[in-house]
Amino acid sequence: MNVFLKLLLAFVLVAISPTPASAHDAYPTYKELRDKAYHNCPTKSWKKIDIAIIDKLIEVEKQYNVHPSVRGMVLAAACLESGFNPKAKGDRKFSKNKKTPMAIGVLQMWRVYEKAYGVDRTDPVSSAHGWLKHIVRMLPKVKRQCKFKSKKKLWVAAWVTGIRYKKKGGRCYERPLHLKILRKWQRQVRKERRTQASTPGNCDC
């Protein structure tokens, strides 16, 4: 009987213990995302990216307690919008003369952010604070409008709501283009984790 109980206990412990697969599938750390943002930004060669800007953006994002599923969101946005270039200028087609840039800086922000959040659009740190404050500000609105209980869904909805123009009925089931890059980085990290774990000599046990 004692032997049976011991076997049963061992089975239960194995069943409830986290499997290696679950560890591999955990959301990427900022260290892992830093590497992906630097080497795998599709809009700019890593040789032309200032790693210090990526580090500054990470430090800002850490202050806003973003959900782990969208950790690195500001990196993905800066990658797509400007290739981490704080001097980037765009959206000229929206100006009256079609020549004046409407979007400035690493996150390609419009002047409205200066008025609403006191942002210096040419400063990556100031821009990141304004961008994240605006998205965090959207969370209560999205929660009321979309009725989501999942924080993961709330953050994605707040993200796309924050960066897009107002839409009747909201954007509950839409996704920002930036998210596509972030999800790609997440898949790359998980693949590398599995490859490393399956390579002889890389066991941490």
Protein backbone atom coordinates (compact mmCIF):
# COMPACT_ATOMS: atom_id res chain seq x y z
CA MET A 1 0.00 0.00 0.00
CA ASN A 2 2.84 2.35 0.88
CA VAL A 3 4.49 1.60 -2.46
CA PHE A 4 1.23 2.40 -4.28
CA LEU A 5 0.87 5.72 -2.45
CA LYS A 6 4.43 6.67 -3.25
CA LEU A 7 3.89 5.91 -6.94
CA LEU A 8 0.65 7.90 -6.93
CA LEU A 9 2.33 10.86 -5.25
CA ALA A 10 5.17 10.77 -7.76
CA PHE A 11 2.68 10.75 -10.63
CA VAL A 12 0.81 13.75 -9.21
CA LEU A 13 4.02 15.72 -8.72
CA VAL A 14 5.08 15.08 -12.30
CA ALA A 15 1.63 16.02 -13.59
CA ILE A 16 1.55 19.39 -11.82
CA SER A 17 5.17 20.32 -12.43
CA PRO A 18 5.84 22.78 -15.25
CA THR A 19 7.06 21.03 -18.36
CA PRO A 20 10.06 22.21 -20.39
CA ALA A 21 7.60 23.19 -23.15
CA SER A 22 5.83 25.65 -20.87
CA ALA A 23 9.16 27.27 -20.01
CA HIS A 24 9.99 27.58 -23.70
CA ASP A 25 6.61 29.18 -24.42
CA ALA A 26 6.85 31.83 -21.70
CA TYR A 27 6.73 35.41 -22.95
CA PRO A 28 10.16 36.79 -23.94
CA THR A 29 12.18 38.78 -21.46
CA TYR A 30 13.29 42.32 -22.17
CA LYS A 31 16.80 41.00 -22.69
CA GLU A 32 15.57 38.66 -25.43
CA LEU A 33 13.39 41.35 -27.00
CA ARG A 34 16.31 43.78 -26.96
CA ASP A 35 18.29 41.40 -29.12
CA LYS A 36 15.39 40.91 -31.55
CA ALA A 37 14.69 44.62 -31.82
CA TYR A 38 18.34 45.28 -32.60
CA HIS A 39 18.98 42.46 -35.07
CA ASN A 40 15.53 41.75 -36.51
CA CYS A 41 13.88 45.08 -37.21
CA PRO A 42 12.65 44.68 -40.82
CA THR A 43 12.70 48.41 -41.55
CA LYS A 44 16.36 49.12 -40.69
CA SER A 45 19.70 47.31 -40.80
CA TRP A 46 21.00 46.62 -37.29
CA LYS A 47 24.25 48.34 -38.28
CA LYS A 48 22.34 51.63 -38.48
CA ILE A 49 20.46 51.26 -35.18
CA ASP A 50 21.62 52.97 -32.00
CA ILE A 51 21.28 50.28 -29.32
CA ALA A 52 21.18 53.02 -26.66
CA ILE A 53 17.79 54.14 -28.01
CA ILE A 54 16.43 50.60 -27.64
CA ASP A 55 17.69 50.50 -24.05
CA LYS A 56 16.02 53.81 -23.26
CA LEU A 57 12.71 52.64 -24.70
CA ILE A 58 12.86 49.47 -22.62
CA GLU A 59 13.49 51.43 -19.43
CA VAL A 60 10.49 53.64 -20.14
CA GLU A 61 8.17 50.73 -20.92
CA LYS A 62 9.12 48.98 -17.68
CA GLN A 63 7.54 51.88 -15.78
CA TYR A 64 4.08 51.21 -17.23
CA ASN A 65 3.58 47.62 -16.11
CA VAL A 66 2.46 46.43 -19.53
CA HIS A 67 0.96 42.96 -19.81
CA PRO A 68 3.64 40.28 -20.53
CA SER A 69 1.86 39.36 -23.77
CA VAL A 70 2.65 42.80 -25.20
CA ARG A 71 6.01 43.30 -23.50
CA GLY A 72 8.19 45.10 -26.03
CA MET A 73 5.25 46.92 -27.61
CA VAL A 74 7.09 50.24 -27.75
CA LEU A 75 10.06 48.52 -29.41
CA ALA A 76 7.83 47.01 -32.10
CA ALA A 77 6.19 50.39 -32.68
CA ALA A 78 9.50 52.25 -32.94
CA CYS A 79 10.88 49.59 -35.27
CA LEU A 80 7.98 49.81 -37.70
CA GLU A 81 7.45 53.55 -37.52
CA SER A 82 11.02 54.81 -37.88
CA GLY A 83 13.56 52.01 -37.61
CA PHE A 84 14.48 53.56 -34.22
CA ASN A 85 15.40 56.85 -35.89
CA PRO A 86 14.62 59.84 -33.63
CA LYS A 87 15.10 62.22 -36.58
CA ALA A 88 12.53 60.49 -38.79
CA LYS A 89 9.89 62.67 -40.46
CA GLY A 90 6.82 61.37 -42.22
CA ASP A 91 3.13 61.64 -43.09
CA ARG A 92 3.78 64.57 -45.42
CA LYS A 93 0.77 63.60 -47.53
CA PHE A 94 -1.53 64.70 -44.71
CA SER A 95 -0.20 68.29 -44.64
CA LYS A 96 -1.86 71.05 -46.63
CA ASN A 97 1.11 71.50 -48.95
CA LYS A 98 1.90 67.76 -49.05
CA LYS A 99 5.47 68.59 -48.08
CA THR A 100 5.46 69.42 -44.37
CA PRO A 101 6.03 66.35 -42.17
CA MET A 102 3.19 65.74 -39.75
CA ALA A 103 4.81 62.80 -37.92
CA ILE A 104 8.09 63.32 -36.08
CA GLY A 105 10.53 61.13 -34.20
CA VAL A 106 11.10 57.53 -33.26
CA LEU A 107 7.37 56.83 -32.82
CA GLN A 108 6.21 59.15 -35.63
CA MET A 109 3.97 61.18 -33.36
CA TRP A 110 1.75 64.05 -34.46
CA ARG A 111 1.66 67.46 -32.77
CA VAL A 112 -1.42 66.46 -30.75
CA TYR A 113 0.88 64.52 -28.41
CA GLU A 114 2.78 67.70 -27.61
CA LYS A 115 -0.42 69.39 -26.54
CA ALA A 116 -1.88 66.43 -24.65
CA TYR A 117 1.22 65.07 -22.91
CA GLY A 118 3.91 67.73 -23.26
CA VAL A 119 5.94 65.43 -25.48
CA ASP A 120 9.18 66.39 -27.19
CA ARG A 121 8.71 64.33 -30.34
CA THR A 122 12.42 64.43 -31.19
CA ASP A 123 13.32 62.83 -27.84
CA PRO A 124 12.85 59.02 -27.73
CA VAL A 125 12.32 58.95 -23.96
CA SER A 126 9.74 61.75 -23.95
CA SER A 127 8.00 60.20 -26.96
CA ALA A 128 7.82 56.77 -25.34
CA HIS A 129 6.32 58.23 -22.17
CA GLY A 130 3.64 60.08 -24.12
CA TRP A 131 2.87 57.07 -26.32
CA LEU A 132 2.52 54.67 -23.39
CA LYS A 133 0.55 57.14 -21.25
CA HIS A 134 -1.95 57.47 -24.06
CA ILE A 135 -2.38 53.70 -24.40
CA VAL A 136 -2.70 53.19 -20.65
CA ARG A 137 -5.31 55.95 -20.67
CA MET A 138 -7.32 53.89 -23.16
CA LEU A 139 -7.54 50.81 -20.90
CA PRO A 140 -10.62 51.86 -18.85
CA LYS A 141 -12.41 53.03 -21.99
CA VAL A 142 -11.70 49.77 -23.80
CA LYS A 143 -12.75 47.72 -20.78
CA ARG A 144 -16.15 49.44 -20.72
CA GLN A 145 -16.61 49.31 -24.46
CA CYS A 146 -15.31 45.84 -25.30
CA LYS A 147 -16.29 44.02 -22.07
CA PHE A 148 -13.09 42.00 -22.16
CA LYS A 149 -12.04 40.15 -19.02
CA SER A 150 -8.75 39.05 -20.52
CA LYS A 151 -5.95 41.55 -19.81
CA LYS A 152 -4.17 40.32 -22.90
CA LYS A 153 -7.13 41.32 -25.10
CA LEU A 154 -7.56 44.59 -23.21
CA TRP A 155 -3.99 45.67 -23.87
CA VAL A 156 -4.16 44.85 -27.57
CA ALA A 157 -7.47 46.72 -27.92
CA ALA A 158 -6.12 49.71 -25.97
CA TRP A 159 -3.02 49.67 -28.16
CA VAL A 160 -4.90 49.83 -31.46
CA THR A 161 -7.45 52.29 -30.05
CA GLY A 162 -4.69 54.58 -28.86
CA ILE A 163 -2.82 54.81 -32.14
CA ARG A 164 -5.75 54.90 -34.58
CA TYR A 165 -8.41 57.53 -35.18
CA LYS A 166 -11.75 57.25 -33.39
CA LYS A 167 -14.18 54.74 -34.83
CA LYS A 168 -17.86 54.28 -34.03
CA GLY A 169 -18.25 51.04 -32.10
CA GLY A 170 -14.57 50.97 -31.19
CA ARG A 171 -11.75 48.73 -32.34
CA CYS A 172 -12.24 45.83 -29.94
CA TYR A 173 -11.30 43.10 -32.39
CA GLU A 174 -8.66 44.92 -34.41
CA ARG A 175 -4.90 44.62 -34.05
CA PRO A 176 -2.17 47.22 -34.55
CA LEU A 177 0.33 46.58 -37.34
CA HIS A 178 3.10 46.85 -34.74
CA LEU A 179 1.79 43.69 -33.09
CA LYS A 180 2.73 41.62 -36.13
CA ILE A 181 6.40 42.46 -35.57
CA LEU A 182 6.16 41.75 -31.85
CA ARG A 183 4.54 38.36 -32.44
CA LYS A 184 7.31 37.52 -34.94
CA TRP A 185 9.95 38.31 -32.34
CA GLN A 186 8.12 36.17 -29.79
CA ARG A 187 8.07 33.20 -32.18
CA GLN A 188 11.77 33.62 -32.90
CA VAL A 189 12.63 33.66 -29.20
CA ARG A 190 10.61 30.50 -28.50
CA LYS A 191 12.17 28.70 -31.45
CA GLU A 192 15.66 29.61 -30.25
CA ARG A 193 14.84 28.44 -26.72
CA ARG A 194 13.74 25.04 -27.98
CA THR A 195 16.77 24.72 -30.24
CA GLN A 196 19.09 25.61 -27.38
CA ALA A 197 17.37 23.18 -25.00
CA SER A 198 17.64 20.31 -27.52
CA THR A 199 21.33 20.94 -28.18
CA PRO A 200 23.63 18.56 -26.23
CA GLY A 201 25.55 20.31 -23.50
CA ASN A 202 23.03 23.11 -23.04
CA CYS A 203 21.07 21.51 -20.20
CA ASP A 204 20.77 23.69 -17.12
CA CYS A 205 20.00 20.73 -14.89
